[in-house]
Protein backbone atom coordinates (compact mmCIF):
# COMPACT_ATOMS: atom_id res chain seq x y z
CA UNK A 1 0.00 0.00 0.00
CA UNK A 2 1.40 3.40 -0.97
CA UNK A 3 2.05 6.20 1.53
CA UNK A 4 -0.76 8.24 0.00
CA UNK A 5 -3.17 5.34 0.45
CA UNK A 6 -2.18 5.07 4.12
CA UNK A 7 -2.88 8.78 4.64
CA UNK A 8 -6.23 8.32 2.88
CA UNK A 9 -7.08 5.41 5.17
CA UNK A 10 -6.09 7.39 8.26
CA UNK A 11 -8.14 10.38 7.10
CA UNK A 12 -11.17 8.11 6.66
CA UNK A 13 -10.58 6.66 10.15
CA UNK A 14 -10.51 10.19 11.61
CA UNK A 15 -13.77 10.98 9.82
CA UNK A 16 -15.39 7.86 11.28
CA UNK A 17 -14.09 8.77 14.76
CA UNK A 18 -15.42 12.32 14.31
CA UNK A 19 -18.83 10.91 13.43
CA UNK A 20 -18.64 8.78 16.57
CA UNK A 21 -17.93 11.84 18.72
CA UNK A 22 -20.87 13.69 17.19
CA UNK A 23 -23.11 10.67 17.81
CA UNK A 24 -21.89 10.46 21.42
CA UNK A 25 -22.69 14.13 22.03
CA UNK A 26 -26.14 14.04 20.42
CA UNK A 27 -27.31 10.57 21.44
CA UNK A 28 -25.61 10.78 24.83
CA UNK A 29 -27.89 13.68 25.70
CA UNK A 30 -30.95 11.80 24.48
CA UNK A 31 -29.90 8.76 26.50
CA UNK A 32 -29.55 10.87 29.65
CA UNK A 33 -33.00 12.37 29.23
CA UNK A 34 -34.84 9.24 28.10
CA UNK A 35 -32.91 7.02 30.50
CA UNK A 36 -33.89 9.16 33.46
CA UNK A 37 -37.51 9.13 32.36
CA UNK A 38 -37.29 5.33 32.15
CA UNK A 39 -35.45 5.24 35.52
CA UNK A 40 -32.25 3.73 34.13
CA UNK A 41 -29.76 4.56 36.86
CA UNK A 42 -26.66 3.89 34.76
CA UNK A 43 -27.31 6.97 32.60
CA UNK A 44 -26.26 9.13 35.56
CA UNK A 45 -22.87 7.46 35.93
CA UNK A 46 -20.43 10.26 36.81
CA UNK A 47 -17.76 9.27 34.25
CA UNK A 48 -20.27 8.98 31.43
CA UNK A 49 -21.71 12.38 32.30
CA UNK A 50 -18.28 14.02 32.70
CA UNK A 51 -17.13 12.71 29.31
CA UNK A 52 -20.35 13.90 27.73
CA UNK A 53 -20.12 17.37 29.28
CA UNK A 54 -16.45 17.65 28.31
CA UNK A 55 -17.22 16.68 24.71
CA UNK A 56 -19.88 19.35 24.22
CA UNK A 57 -17.76 21.80 26.21
CA UNK A 58 -14.90 21.44 23.72
CA UNK A 59 -17.32 21.99 20.83
CA UNK A 60 -18.85 25.11 22.41
CA UNK A 61 -15.50 26.59 23.42
CA UNK A 62 -14.00 25.97 19.99
CA UNK A 63 -17.00 27.57 18.36
CA UNK A 64 -16.85 30.68 20.55
CA UNK A 65 -13.08 30.96 19.98
CA UNK A 66 -13.54 30.44 16.22
CA UNK A 67 -11.23 27.42 16.22
CA UNK A 68 -11.31 24.56 13.76
CA UNK A 69 -12.17 21.27 15.44
CA UNK A 70 -8.94 19.31 16.02
CA UNK A 71 -10.42 16.26 14.32
CA UNK A 72 -11.37 18.30 11.25
CA UNK A 73 -7.88 19.82 11.16
CA UNK A 74 -6.25 16.40 11.44
CA UNK A 75 -8.46 14.92 8.74
CA UNK A 76 -7.74 17.80 6.36
CA UNK A 77 -3.98 17.53 7.02
CA UNK A 78 -4.08 13.78 6.35
CA UNK A 79 -5.97 14.34 3.10
CA UNK A 80 -3.40 16.90 1.95
CA UNK A 81 -0.62 14.43 2.83
CA UNK A 82 -2.43 11.90 0.64
CA UNK A 83 -2.27 14.44 -2.20
CA UNK A 84 -6.01 15.08 -2.13
CA UNK A 85 -8.00 18.24 -1.77
CA UNK A 86 -9.85 18.32 1.52
CA UNK A 87 -13.15 16.42 1.42
CA UNK A 88 -12.77 14.73 -1.91
CA UNK A 89 -12.24 10.99 -1.79
CA UNK A 90 -13.62 7.72 -0.65
CA UNK A 91 -17.13 6.45 -0.19
CA UNK A 92 -16.88 6.64 3.60
CA UNK A 93 -15.66 10.20 3.44
CA UNK A 94 -18.34 11.30 0.99
CA UNK A 95 -21.33 9.95 2.93
CA UNK A 96 -20.21 10.72 6.47
CA UNK A 97 -19.47 14.30 5.52
CA UNK A 98 -23.09 14.73 4.48
CA UNK A 99 -23.98 14.03 8.11
CA UNK A 100 -21.32 16.24 9.71
CA UNK A 101 -20.94 19.34 7.56
CA UNK A 102 -23.53 21.89 6.51
CA UNK A 103 -23.31 25.27 4.78
CA UNK A 104 -24.36 28.09 7.12
CA UNK A 105 -22.75 31.15 8.67
CA UNK A 106 -20.48 30.41 11.62
CA UNK A 107 -22.76 32.29 14.02
CA UNK A 108 -25.53 29.77 13.34
CA UNK A 109 -23.31 26.91 14.49
CA UNK A 110 -22.11 28.87 17.51
CA UNK A 111 -25.72 29.51 18.55
CA UNK A 112 -26.73 25.87 18.04
CA UNK A 113 -23.67 24.51 19.88
CA UNK A 114 -24.17 26.95 22.73
CA UNK A 115 -27.88 26.14 23.08
CA UNK A 116 -27.15 22.42 23.03
CA UNK A 117 -24.34 22.88 25.56
CA UNK A 118 -26.72 24.76 27.85
CA UNK A 119 -29.24 21.91 27.56
CA UNK A 120 -26.53 19.42 28.53
CA UNK A 121 -25.56 21.60 31.48
CA UNK A 122 -29.22 21.92 32.53
CA UNK A 123 -29.51 18.13 32.48
CA UNK A 124 -26.88 18.05 35.26
CA UNK A 125 -29.31 19.93 37.49
CA UNK A 126 -32.42 18.06 36.40
CA UNK A 127 -30.75 14.64 36.53
CA UNK A 128 -27.61 14.92 38.69
CA UNK A 129 -24.84 12.39 38.01
CA UNK A 130 -23.94 9.80 40.61
CA UNK A 131 -20.51 8.56 41.61
CA UNK A 132 -21.58 4.90 41.56
CA UNK A 133 -24.30 2.95 39.85
CA UNK A 134 -26.47 1.36 42.46
CA UNK A 135 -29.40 -0.71 41.29
């Protein structure tokens, strides 16, 4: 396998990981809310909740500071190393990008990320995390 192909493969892996982080942030919040309504105690596990809050916190902070997401930056660097323009390439890349990237002014994303972050923070008060799962 050529060096360029390796960079392409790594860029696709970063894109898949990025999609996983997005899914964790979005679905993690839904799991916290729905899990508490269903009385699933594990959804208030402190480590799960801390990781979730940290993930959305990084997104909100990066948005307010007008920073490119580190995963996006890494993926774009890998694609350039593969000799490709950013976001032109494999099947995985093409379809997952349709989920992650939209055309809108930056302030729209900042507002959405901030609102979602505030919802996640509010869930800490509505459904406080616990240090240990006890059934």
